[in-house]
PDB file of all heavy atoms in Angstrom:
ATOM      1  N   TYR A   1     -54.060  -5.135 -56.839  1.00  0.00           N
ATOM      2  CA  TYR A   1     -53.398  -4.449 -55.727  1.00  0.00           C
ATOM      3  C   TYR A   1     -52.060  -5.121 -55.438  1.00  0.00           C
ATOM      4  O   TYR A   1     -51.987  -6.324 -55.199  1.00  0.00           O
ATOM      5  CB  TYR A   1     -54.281  -4.471 -54.479  1.00  0.00           C
ATOM      6  CG  TYR A   1     -55.018  -3.169 -54.275  1.00  0.00           C
ATOM      7  CD1 TYR A   1     -56.137  -2.870 -55.040  1.00  0.00           C
ATOM      8  CD2 TYR A   1     -54.575  -2.229 -53.352  1.00  0.00           C
ATOM      9  CE1 TYR A   1     -56.812  -1.661 -54.880  1.00  0.00           C
ATOM     10  CE2 TYR A   1     -55.240  -1.020 -53.178  1.00  0.00           C
ATOM     11  CZ  TYR A   1     -56.360  -0.741 -53.939  1.00  0.00           C
ATOM     12  OH  TYR A   1     -57.006   0.458 -53.780  1.00  0.00           O
ATOM     13  N   LEU A   2     -50.983  -4.313 -55.470  1.00  0.00           N
ATOM     14  CA  LEU A   2     -49.630  -4.787 -55.215  1.00  0.00           C
ATOM     15  C   LEU A   2     -48.964  -3.825 -54.229  1.00  0.00           C
ATOM     16  O   LEU A   2     -49.517  -2.779 -53.896  1.00  0.00           O
ATOM     17  CB  LEU A   2     -48.830  -4.833 -56.525  1.00  0.00           C
ATOM     18  CG  LEU A   2     -49.418  -5.694 -57.649  1.00  0.00           C
ATOM     19  CD1 LEU A   2     -48.693  -5.420 -58.965  1.00  0.00           C
ATOM     20  CD2 LEU A   2     -49.349  -7.169 -57.293  1.00  0.00           C
ATOM     21  N   ARG A   3     -47.777  -4.188 -53.765  1.00  0.00           N
ATOM     22  CA  ARG A   3     -47.006  -3.302 -52.898  1.00  0.00           C
ATOM     23  C   ARG A   3     -45.584  -3.180 -53.425  1.00  0.00           C
ATOM     24  O   ARG A   3     -45.019  -4.170 -53.911  1.00  0.00           O
ATOM     25  CB  ARG A   3     -46.970  -3.831 -51.455  1.00  0.00           C
ATOM     26  CG  ARG A   3     -48.316  -3.812 -50.769  1.00  0.00           C
ATOM     27  CD  ARG A   3     -48.206  -4.171 -49.299  1.00  0.00           C
ATOM     28  NE  ARG A   3     -47.541  -3.113 -48.516  1.00  0.00           N
ATOM     29  CZ  ARG A   3     -47.448  -3.129 -47.193  1.00  0.00           C
ATOM     30  NH1 ARG A   3     -47.956  -4.136 -46.501  1.00  0.00           N
ATOM     31  NH2 ARG A   3     -46.842  -2.144 -46.561  1.00  0.00           N
ATOM     32  N   PRO A   4     -44.970  -2.003 -53.329  1.00  0.00           N
ATOM     33  CA  PRO A   4     -43.572  -1.859 -53.752  1.00  0.00           C
ATOM     34  C   PRO A   4     -42.594  -2.404 -52.721  1.00  0.00           C
ATOM     35  O   PRO A   4     -41.402  -2.503 -52.998  1.00  0.00           O
ATOM     36  CB  PRO A   4     -43.407  -0.342 -53.921  1.00  0.00           C
ATOM     37  CG  PRO A   4     -44.420   0.242 -52.997  1.00  0.00           C
ATOM     38  CD  PRO A   4     -45.577  -0.723 -52.958  1.00  0.00           C
ATOM     39  N   VAL A   5     -43.108  -2.747 -51.535  1.00  0.00           N
ATOM     40  CA  VAL A   5     -42.301  -3.376 -50.491  1.00  0.00           C
ATOM     41  C   VAL A   5     -42.948  -4.707 -50.140  1.00  0.00           C
ATOM     42  O   VAL A   5     -44.074  -5.006 -50.558  1.00  0.00           O
ATOM     43  CB  VAL A   5     -42.215  -2.490 -49.224  1.00  0.00           C
ATOM     44  CG1 VAL A   5     -41.473  -1.202 -49.523  1.00  0.00           C
ATOM     45  CG2 VAL A   5     -43.602  -2.194 -48.662  1.00  0.00           C
ATOM     46  N   PHE A   6     -42.243  -5.524 -49.373  1.00  0.00           N
ATOM     47  CA  PHE A   6     -42.806  -6.818 -48.969  1.00  0.00           C
ATOM     48  C   PHE A   6     -43.763  -6.617 -47.790  1.00  0.00           C
ATOM     49  O   PHE A   6     -43.533  -5.769 -46.919  1.00  0.00           O
ATOM     50  CB  PHE A   6     -41.688  -7.789 -48.611  1.00  0.00           C
ATOM     51  CG  PHE A   6     -40.852  -8.163 -49.796  1.00  0.00           C
ATOM     52  CD1 PHE A   6     -39.644  -7.513 -50.044  1.00  0.00           C
ATOM     53  CD2 PHE A   6     -41.273  -9.135 -50.687  1.00  0.00           C
ATOM     54  CE1 PHE A   6     -38.877  -7.833 -51.151  1.00  0.00           C
ATOM     55  CE2 PHE A   6     -40.516  -9.460 -51.803  1.00  0.00           C
ATOM     56  CZ  PHE A   6     -39.316  -8.805 -52.036  1.00  0.00           C
ATOM     57  N   SER A   7     -44.826  -7.392 -47.778  1.00  0.00           N
ATOM     58  CA  SER A   7     -45.878  -7.184 -46.783  1.00  0.00           C
ATOM     59  C   SER A   7     -45.400  -7.438 -45.365  1.00  0.00           C
ATOM     60  O   SER A   7     -45.948  -6.871 -44.418  1.00  0.00           O
ATOM     61  CB  SER A   7     -47.083  -8.079 -47.105  1.00  0.00           C
ATOM     62  OG  SER A   7     -46.709  -9.449 -47.094  1.00  0.00           O
ATOM     63  N   ASP A   8     -44.379  -8.281 -45.208  1.00  0.00           N
ATOM     64  CA  ASP A   8     -43.868  -8.579 -43.870  1.00  0.00           C
ATOM     65  C   ASP A   8     -42.487  -7.959 -43.607  1.00  0.00           C
ATOM     66  O   ASP A   8     -41.897  -8.171 -42.556  1.00  0.00           O
ATOM     67  CB  ASP A   8     -43.805 -10.093 -43.642  1.00  0.00           C
ATOM     68  CG  ASP A   8     -43.017 -10.825 -44.717  1.00  0.00           C
ATOM     69  OD1 ASP A   8     -42.754 -10.232 -45.774  1.00  0.00           O
ATOM     70  OD2 ASP A   8     -42.667 -11.996 -44.495  1.00  0.00           O
ATOM     71  N   GLN A   9     -41.971  -7.193 -44.571  1.00  0.00           N
ATOM     72  CA  GLN A   9     -40.692  -6.482 -44.421  1.00  0.00           C
ATOM     73  C   GLN A   9     -40.810  -5.175 -45.191  1.00  0.00           C
ATOM     74  O   GLN A   9     -40.343  -5.057 -46.323  1.00  0.00           O
ATOM     75  CB  GLN A   9     -39.523  -7.325 -44.953  1.00  0.00           C
ATOM     76  CG  GLN A   9     -39.226  -8.571 -44.161  1.00  0.00           C
ATOM     77  CD  GLN A   9     -38.523  -8.270 -42.837  1.00  0.00           C
ATOM     78  OE1 GLN A   9     -38.084  -7.141 -42.604  1.00  0.00           O
ATOM     79  NE2 GLN A   9     -38.423  -9.265 -41.971  1.00  0.00           N
ATOM     80  N   ASN A  10     -41.453  -4.185 -44.566  1.00  0.00           N
ATOM     81  CA  ASN A  10     -41.815  -2.976 -45.317  1.00  0.00           C
ATOM     82  C   ASN A  10     -40.652  -2.013 -45.552  1.00  0.00           C
ATOM     83  O   ASN A  10     -40.852  -0.935 -46.106  1.00  0.00           O
ATOM     84  CB  ASN A  10     -42.980  -2.255 -44.637  1.00  0.00           C
ATOM     85  CG  ASN A  10     -42.581  -1.606 -43.320  1.00  0.00           C
ATOM     86  OD1 ASN A  10     -41.542  -1.936 -42.758  1.00  0.00           O
ATOM     87  ND2 ASN A  10     -43.417  -0.706 -42.832  1.00  0.00           N
ATOM     88  N   LYS A  11     -39.450  -2.394 -45.158  1.00  0.00           N
ATOM     89  CA  LYS A  11     -38.282  -1.570 -45.475  1.00  0.00           C
ATOM     90  C   LYS A  11     -37.458  -2.175 -46.612  1.00  0.00           C
ATOM     91  O   LYS A  11     -36.417  -1.629 -46.981  1.00  0.00           O
ATOM     92  CB  LYS A  11     -37.404  -1.378 -44.240  1.00  0.00           C
ATOM     93  CG  LYS A  11     -38.127  -0.744 -43.055  1.00  0.00           C
ATOM     94  CD  LYS A  11     -38.854   0.548 -43.423  1.00  0.00           C
ATOM     95  CE  LYS A  11     -39.633   1.118 -42.253  1.00  0.00           C
ATOM     96  NZ  LYS A  11     -40.512   2.253 -42.662  1.00  0.00           N
ATOM     97  N   ILE A  12     -37.923  -3.292 -47.147  1.00  0.00           N
ATOM     98  CA  ILE A  12     -37.232  -3.942 -48.267  1.00  0.00           C
ATOM     99  C   ILE A  12     -38.065  -3.756 -49.526  1.00  0.00           C
ATOM    100  O   ILE A  12     -39.215  -4.210 -49.601  1.00  0.00           O
ATOM    101  CB  ILE A  12     -37.006  -5.441 -48.000  1.00  0.00           C
ATOM    102  CG1 ILE A  12     -36.193  -5.649 -46.718  1.00  0.00           C
ATOM    103  CG2 ILE A  12     -36.303  -6.096 -49.188  1.00  0.00           C
ATOM    104  CD1 ILE A  12     -35.984  -7.105 -46.363  1.00  0.00           C
ATOM    105  N   PHE A  13     -37.495  -3.088 -50.515  1.00  0.00           N
ATOM    106  CA  PHE A  13     -38.202  -2.842 -51.767  1.00  0.00           C
ATOM    107  C   PHE A  13     -38.103  -4.047 -52.707  1.00  0.00           C
ATOM    108  O   PHE A  13     -37.125  -4.807 -52.664  1.00  0.00           O
ATOM    109  CB  PHE A  13     -37.624  -1.613 -52.471  1.00  0.00           C
ATOM    110  CG  PHE A  13     -37.958  -0.316 -51.796  1.00  0.00           C
ATOM    111  CD1 PHE A  13     -37.015   0.337 -51.015  1.00  0.00           C
ATOM    112  CD2 PHE A  13     -39.212   0.254 -51.940  1.00  0.00           C
ATOM    113  CE1 PHE A  13     -37.313   1.529 -50.396  1.00  0.00           C
ATOM    114  CE2 PHE A  13     -39.525   1.452 -51.317  1.00  0.00           C
ATOM    115  CZ  PHE A  13     -38.578   2.090 -50.544  1.00  0.00           C
ATOM    116  N   LEU A  14     -39.090  -4.171 -53.561  1.00  0.00           N
ATOM    117  CA  LEU A  14     -39.069  -5.208 -54.586  1.00  0.00           C
ATOM    118  C   LEU A  14     -37.948  -4.917 -55.584  1.00  0.00           C
ATOM    119  O   LEU A  14     -37.743  -3.760 -55.976  1.00  0.00           O
ATOM    120  CB  LEU A  14     -40.404  -5.265 -55.325  1.00  0.00           C
ATOM    121  CG  LEU A  14     -41.498  -6.166 -54.754  1.00  0.00           C
ATOM    122  CD1 LEU A  14     -41.893  -5.768 -53.333  1.00  0.00           C
ATOM    123  CD2 LEU A  14     -42.722  -6.166 -55.657  1.00  0.00           C
ATOM    124  N   THR A  15     -37.237  -5.951 -55.974  1.00  0.00           N
ATOM    125  CA  THR A  15     -36.224  -5.809 -57.014  1.00  0.00           C
ATOM    126  C   THR A  15     -36.913  -5.811 -58.378  1.00  0.00           C
ATOM    127  O   THR A  15     -38.122  -6.041 -58.482  1.00  0.00           O
ATOM    128  CB  THR A  15     -35.217  -6.963 -56.961  1.00  0.00           C
ATOM    129  OG1 THR A  15     -35.914  -8.188 -57.286  1.00  0.00           O
ATOM    130  CG2 THR A  15     -34.591  -7.090 -55.581  1.00  0.00           C
ATOM    131  N   GLU A  16     -36.143  -5.594 -59.433  1.00  0.00           N
ATOM    132  CA  GLU A  16     -36.745  -5.631 -60.765  1.00  0.00           C
ATOM    133  C   GLU A  16     -37.321  -7.010 -61.057  1.00  0.00           C
ATOM    134  O   GLU A  16     -38.390  -7.117 -61.686  1.00  0.00           O
ATOM    135  CB  GLU A  16     -35.721  -5.261 -61.836  1.00  0.00           C
ATOM    136  CG  GLU A  16     -36.338  -5.219 -63.235  1.00  0.00           C
ATOM    137  CD  GLU A  16     -35.408  -4.688 -64.296  1.00  0.00           C
ATOM    138  OE1 GLU A  16     -34.766  -3.647 -64.046  1.00  0.00           O
ATOM    139  OE2 GLU A  16     -35.334  -5.319 -65.368  1.00  0.00           O
ATOM    140  N   ALA A  17     -36.664  -8.071 -60.596  1.00  0.00           N
ATOM    141  CA  ALA A  17     -37.204  -9.421 -60.796  1.00  0.00           C
ATOM    142  C   ALA A  17     -38.563  -9.562 -60.098  1.00  0.00           C
ATOM    143  O   ALA A  17     -39.485 -10.180 -60.637  1.00  0.00           O
ATOM    144  CB  ALA A  17     -36.229 -10.468 -60.263  1.00  0.00           C
ATOM    145  N   ASP A  18     -38.688  -8.976 -58.910  1.00  0.00           N
ATOM    146  CA  ASP A  18     -39.962  -9.019 -58.203  1.00  0.00           C
ATOM    147  C   ASP A  18     -41.027  -8.202 -58.923  1.00  0.00           C
ATOM    148  O   ASP A  18     -42.204  -8.579 -58.948  1.00  0.00           O
ATOM    149  CB  ASP A  18     -39.801  -8.488 -56.773  1.00  0.00           C
ATOM    150  CG  ASP A  18     -38.814  -9.290 -55.950  1.00  0.00           C
ATOM    151  OD1 ASP A  18     -38.854 -10.533 -56.028  1.00  0.00           O
ATOM    152  OD2 ASP A  18     -37.998  -8.676 -55.239  1.00  0.00           O
ATOM    153  N   LEU A  19     -40.625  -7.089 -59.518  1.00  0.00           N
ATOM    154  CA  LEU A  19     -41.569  -6.265 -60.279  1.00  0.00           C
ATOM    155  C   LEU A  19     -42.070  -7.019 -61.507  1.00  0.00           C
ATOM    156  O   LEU A  19     -43.241  -6.904 -61.879  1.00  0.00           O
ATOM    157  CB  LEU A  19     -40.908  -4.947 -60.689  1.00  0.00           C
ATOM    158  CG  LEU A  19     -40.519  -4.011 -59.537  1.00  0.00           C
ATOM    159  CD1 LEU A  19     -39.767  -2.800 -60.076  1.00  0.00           C
ATOM    160  CD2 LEU A  19     -41.739  -3.579 -58.737  1.00  0.00           C
ATOM    161  N   VAL A  20     -41.193  -7.792 -62.129  1.00  0.00           N
ATOM    162  CA  VAL A  20     -41.614  -8.639 -63.248  1.00  0.00           C
ATOM    163  C   VAL A  20     -42.660  -9.636 -62.776  1.00  0.00           C
ATOM    164  O   VAL A  20     -43.676  -9.875 -63.448  1.00  0.00           O
ATOM    165  CB  VAL A  20     -40.405  -9.373 -63.857  1.00  0.00           C
ATOM    166  CG1 VAL A  20     -40.865 -10.424 -64.868  1.00  0.00           C
ATOM    167  CG2 VAL A  20     -39.450  -8.389 -64.515  1.00  0.00           C
ATOM    168  N   HIS A  21     -42.435 -10.221 -61.597  1.00  0.00           N
ATOM    169  CA  HIS A  21     -43.345 -11.242 -61.069  1.00  0.00           C
ATOM    170  C   HIS A  21     -44.688 -10.675 -60.624  1.00  0.00           C
ATOM    171  O   HIS A  21     -45.639 -11.442 -60.442  1.00  0.00           O
ATOM    172  CB  HIS A  21     -42.686 -11.953 -59.882  1.00  0.00           C
ATOM    173  CG  HIS A  21     -41.492 -12.758 -60.257  1.00  0.00           C
ATOM    174  ND1 HIS A  21     -40.513 -13.120 -59.342  1.00  0.00           N
ATOM    175  CD2 HIS A  21     -41.092 -13.269 -61.450  1.00  0.00           C
ATOM    176  CE1 HIS A  21     -39.579 -13.827 -59.966  1.00  0.00           C
ATOM    177  NE2 HIS A  21     -39.906 -13.924 -61.237  1.00  0.00           N
ATOM    178  N   THR A  22     -44.774  -9.378 -60.435  1.00  0.00           N
ATOM    179  CA  THR A  22     -46.007  -8.760 -59.944  1.00  0.00           C
ATOM    180  C   THR A  22     -46.656  -7.879 -61.011  1.00  0.00           C
ATOM    181  O   THR A  22     -47.661  -8.260 -61.611  1.00  0.00           O
ATOM    182  CB  THR A  22     -45.714  -7.945 -58.666  1.00  0.00           C
ATOM    183  OG1 THR A  22     -44.614  -7.048 -58.916  1.00  0.00           O
ATOM    184  CG2 THR A  22     -45.357  -8.857 -57.505  1.00  0.00           C
ATOM    185  N   ILE A  23     -46.042  -6.729 -61.273  1.00  0.00           N
ATOM    186  CA  ILE A  23     -46.584  -5.833 -62.300  1.00  0.00           C
ATOM    187  C   ILE A  23     -46.539  -6.489 -63.672  1.00  0.00           C
ATOM    188  O   ILE A  23     -47.503  -6.430 -64.443  1.00  0.00           O
ATOM    189  CB  ILE A  23     -45.798  -4.502 -62.316  1.00  0.00           C
ATOM    190  CG1 ILE A  23     -45.949  -3.775 -60.978  1.00  0.00           C
ATOM    191  CG2 ILE A  23     -46.266  -3.611 -63.460  1.00  0.00           C
ATOM    192  CD1 ILE A  23     -45.089  -2.534 -60.842  1.00  0.00           C
ATOM    193  N   GLY A  24     -45.405  -7.147 -63.966  1.00  0.00           N
ATOM    194  CA  GLY A  24     -45.261  -7.785 -65.279  1.00  0.00           C
ATOM    195  C   GLY A  24     -46.284  -8.874 -65.529  1.00  0.00           C
ATOM    196  O   GLY A  24     -46.857  -8.968 -66.625  1.00  0.00           O
ATOM    197  N   GLU A  25     -46.524  -9.718 -64.530  1.00  0.00           N
ATOM    198  CA  GLU A  25     -47.544 -10.766 -64.671  1.00  0.00           C
ATOM    199  C   GLU A  25     -48.924 -10.152 -64.903  1.00  0.00           C
ATOM    200  O   GLU A  25     -49.683 -10.613 -65.752  1.00  0.00           O
ATOM    201  CB  GLU A  25     -47.576 -11.641 -63.413  1.00  0.00           C
ATOM    202  CG  GLU A  25     -46.495 -12.688 -63.337  1.00  0.00           C
ATOM    203  CD  GLU A  25     -46.683 -13.826 -64.337  1.00  0.00           C
ATOM    204  OE1 GLU A  25     -47.832 -14.150 -64.672  1.00  0.00           O
ATOM    205  OE2 GLU A  25     -45.671 -14.376 -64.785  1.00  0.00           O
ATOM    206  N   SER A  26     -49.242  -9.126 -64.135  1.00  0.00           N
ATOM    207  CA  SER A  26     -50.556  -8.503 -64.240  1.00  0.00           C
ATOM    208  C   SER A  26     -50.792  -7.942 -65.636  1.00  0.00           C
ATOM    209  O   SER A  26     -51.863  -8.128 -66.233  1.00  0.00           O
ATOM    210  CB  SER A  26     -50.695  -7.397 -63.191  1.00  0.00           C
ATOM    211  OG  SER A  26     -50.496  -7.901 -61.883  1.00  0.00           O
ATOM    212  N   ALA A  27     -49.781  -7.255 -66.175  1.00  0.00           N
ATOM    213  CA  ALA A  27     -49.916  -6.657 -67.503  1.00  0.00           C
ATOM    214  C   ALA A  27     -50.051  -7.719 -68.587  1.00  0.00           C
ATOM    215  O   ALA A  27     -50.895  -7.611 -69.484  1.00  0.00           O
ATOM    216  CB  ALA A  27     -48.716  -5.759 -67.788  1.00  0.00           C
ATOM    217  N   ALA A  28     -49.226  -8.760 -68.509  1.00  0.00           N
ATOM    218  CA  ALA A  28     -49.216  -9.781 -69.561  1.00  0.00           C
ATOM    219  C   ALA A  28     -50.493 -10.605 -69.585  1.00  0.00           C
ATOM    220  O   ALA A  28     -50.855 -11.157 -70.628  1.00  0.00           O
ATOM    221  CB  ALA A  28     -48.010 -10.700 -69.374  1.00  0.00           C
ATOM    222  N   LEU A  29     -51.181 -10.713 -68.452  1.00  0.00           N
ATOM    223  CA  LEU A  29     -52.397 -11.522 -68.378  1.00  0.00           C
ATOM    224  C   LEU A  29     -53.657 -10.747 -68.729  1.00  0.00           C
ATOM    225  O   LEU A  29     -54.740 -11.313 -68.749  1.00  0.00           O
ATOM    226  CB  LEU A  29     -52.530 -12.134 -66.983  1.00  0.00           C
ATOM    227  CG  LEU A  29     -51.537 -13.253 -66.667  1.00  0.00           C
ATOM    228  CD1 LEU A  29     -51.508 -13.551 -65.178  1.00  0.00           C
ATOM    229  CD2 LEU A  29     -51.886 -14.521 -67.453  1.00  0.00           C
ATOM    230  N   GLY A  30     -53.520  -9.455 -68.990  1.00  0.00           N
ATOM    231  CA  GLY A  30     -54.670  -8.695 -69.458  1.00  0.00           C
ATOM    232  C   GLY A  30     -55.350  -7.829 -68.430  1.00  0.00           C
ATOM    233  O   GLY A  30     -56.474  -7.358 -68.668  1.00  0.00           O
ATOM    234  N   ALA A  31     -54.715  -7.592 -67.283  1.00  0.00           N
ATOM    235  CA  ALA A  31     -55.294  -6.671 -66.302  1.00  0.00           C
ATOM    236  C   ALA A  31     -55.305  -5.259 -66.878  1.00  0.00           C
ATOM    237  O   ALA A  31     -54.486  -4.901 -67.722  1.00  0.00           O
ATOM    238  CB  ALA A  31     -54.511  -6.703 -64.997  1.00  0.00           C
ATOM    239  N   SER A  32     -56.235  -4.450 -66.396  1.00  0.00           N
ATOM    240  CA  SER A  32     -56.305  -3.053 -66.837  1.00  0.00           C
ATOM    241  C   SER A  32     -55.260  -2.196 -66.155  1.00  0.00           C
ATOM    242  O   SER A  32     -54.932  -1.112 -66.649  1.00  0.00           O
ATOM    243  CB  SER A  32     -57.694  -2.478 -66.542  1.00  0.00           C
ATOM    244  OG  SER A  32     -58.689  -3.164 -67.277  1.00  0.00           O
ATOM    245  N   GLY A  33     -54.759  -2.675 -65.015  1.00  0.00           N
ATOM    246  CA  GLY A  33     -53.757  -1.902 -64.326  1.00  0.00           C
ATOM    247  C   GLY A  33     -53.376  -2.508 -62.998  1.00  0.00           C
ATOM    248  O   GLY A  33     -53.845  -3.589 -62.625  1.00  0.00           O
ATOM    249  N   ALA A  34     -52.514  -1.800 -62.291  1.00  0.00           N
ATOM    250  CA  ALA A  34     -52.076  -2.213 -60.961  1.00  0.00           C
ATOM    251  C   ALA A  34     -52.123  -1.006 -60.040  1.00  0.00           C
ATOM    252  O   ALA A  34     -51.884   0.132 -60.469  1.00  0.00           O
ATOM    253  CB  ALA A  34     -50.658  -2.778 -61.007  1.00  0.00           C
ATOM    254  N   VAL A  35     -52.463  -1.263 -58.788  1.00  0.00           N
ATOM    255  CA  VAL A  35     -52.468  -0.230 -57.752  1.00  0.00           C
ATOM    256  C   VAL A  35     -51.358  -0.572 -56.766  1.00  0.00           C
ATOM    257  O   VAL A  35     -51.368  -1.652 -56.166  1.00  0.00           O
ATOM    258  CB  VAL A  35     -53.827  -0.166 -57.024  1.00  0.00           C
ATOM    259  CG1 VAL A  35     -53.778   0.879 -55.908  1.00  0.00           C
ATOM    260  CG2 VAL A  35     -54.953   0.140 -58.002  1.00  0.00           C
ATOM    261  N   LEU A  36     -50.396   0.333 -56.614  1.00  0.00           N
ATOM    262  CA  LEU A  36     -49.316   0.111 -55.658  1.00  0.00           C
ATOM    263  C   LEU A  36     -49.698   0.779 -54.342  1.00  0.00           C
ATOM    264  O   LEU A  36     -49.603   2.001 -54.197  1.00  0.00           O
ATOM    265  CB  LEU A  36     -47.993   0.665 -56.184  1.00  0.00           C
ATOM    266  CG  LEU A  36     -47.442   0.013 -57.453  1.00  0.00           C
ATOM    267  CD1 LEU A  36     -45.981   0.415 -57.653  1.00  0.00           C
ATOM    268  CD2 LEU A  36     -47.559  -1.492 -57.418  1.00  0.00           C
ATOM    269  N   TRP A  37     -50.151  -0.041 -53.404  1.00  0.00           N
ATOM    270  CA  TRP A  37     -50.664   0.457 -52.122  1.00  0.00           C
ATOM    271  C   TRP A  37     -49.548   0.495 -51.087  1.00  0.00           C
ATOM    272  O   TRP A  37     -48.585  -0.282 -51.152  1.00  0.00           O
ATOM    273  CB  TRP A  37     -51.783  -0.450 -51.639  1.00  0.00           C
ATOM    274  CG  TRP A  37     -52.388  -0.036 -50.331  1.00  0.00           C
ATOM    275  CD1 TRP A  37     -53.379   0.883 -50.134  1.00  0.00           C
ATOM    276  CD2 TRP A  37     -52.037  -0.527 -49.032  1.00  0.00           C
ATOM    277  NE1 TRP A  37     -53.661   0.996 -48.796  1.00  0.00           N
ATOM    278  CE2 TRP A  37     -52.855   0.148 -48.093  1.00  0.00           C
ATOM    279  CE3 TRP A  37     -51.099  -1.467 -48.567  1.00  0.00           C
ATOM    280  CZ2 TRP A  37     -52.768  -0.100 -46.723  1.00  0.00           C
ATOM    281  CZ3 TRP A  37     -51.013  -1.699 -47.199  1.00  0.00           C
ATOM    282  CH2 TRP A  37     -51.842  -1.025 -46.301  1.00  0.00           C
ATOM    283  N   GLY A  38     -49.706   1.403 -50.131  1.00  0.00           N
ATOM    284  CA  GLY A  38     -48.756   1.468 -49.031  1.00  0.00           C
ATOM    285  C   GLY A  38     -49.440   1.899 -47.754  1.00  0.00           C
ATOM    286  O   GLY A  38     -50.447   2.627 -47.780  1.00  0.00           O
TER     287      GLY A  38
END
């Protein structure tokens, strides 16, 4: 479970670097997927 915005600043979107740190990490470590919750 991830979010496309920051949990304490919901009007600020994740940058591509942040997406690498979240979605990218999950994929590279062998997760089956990610859920972007809001």
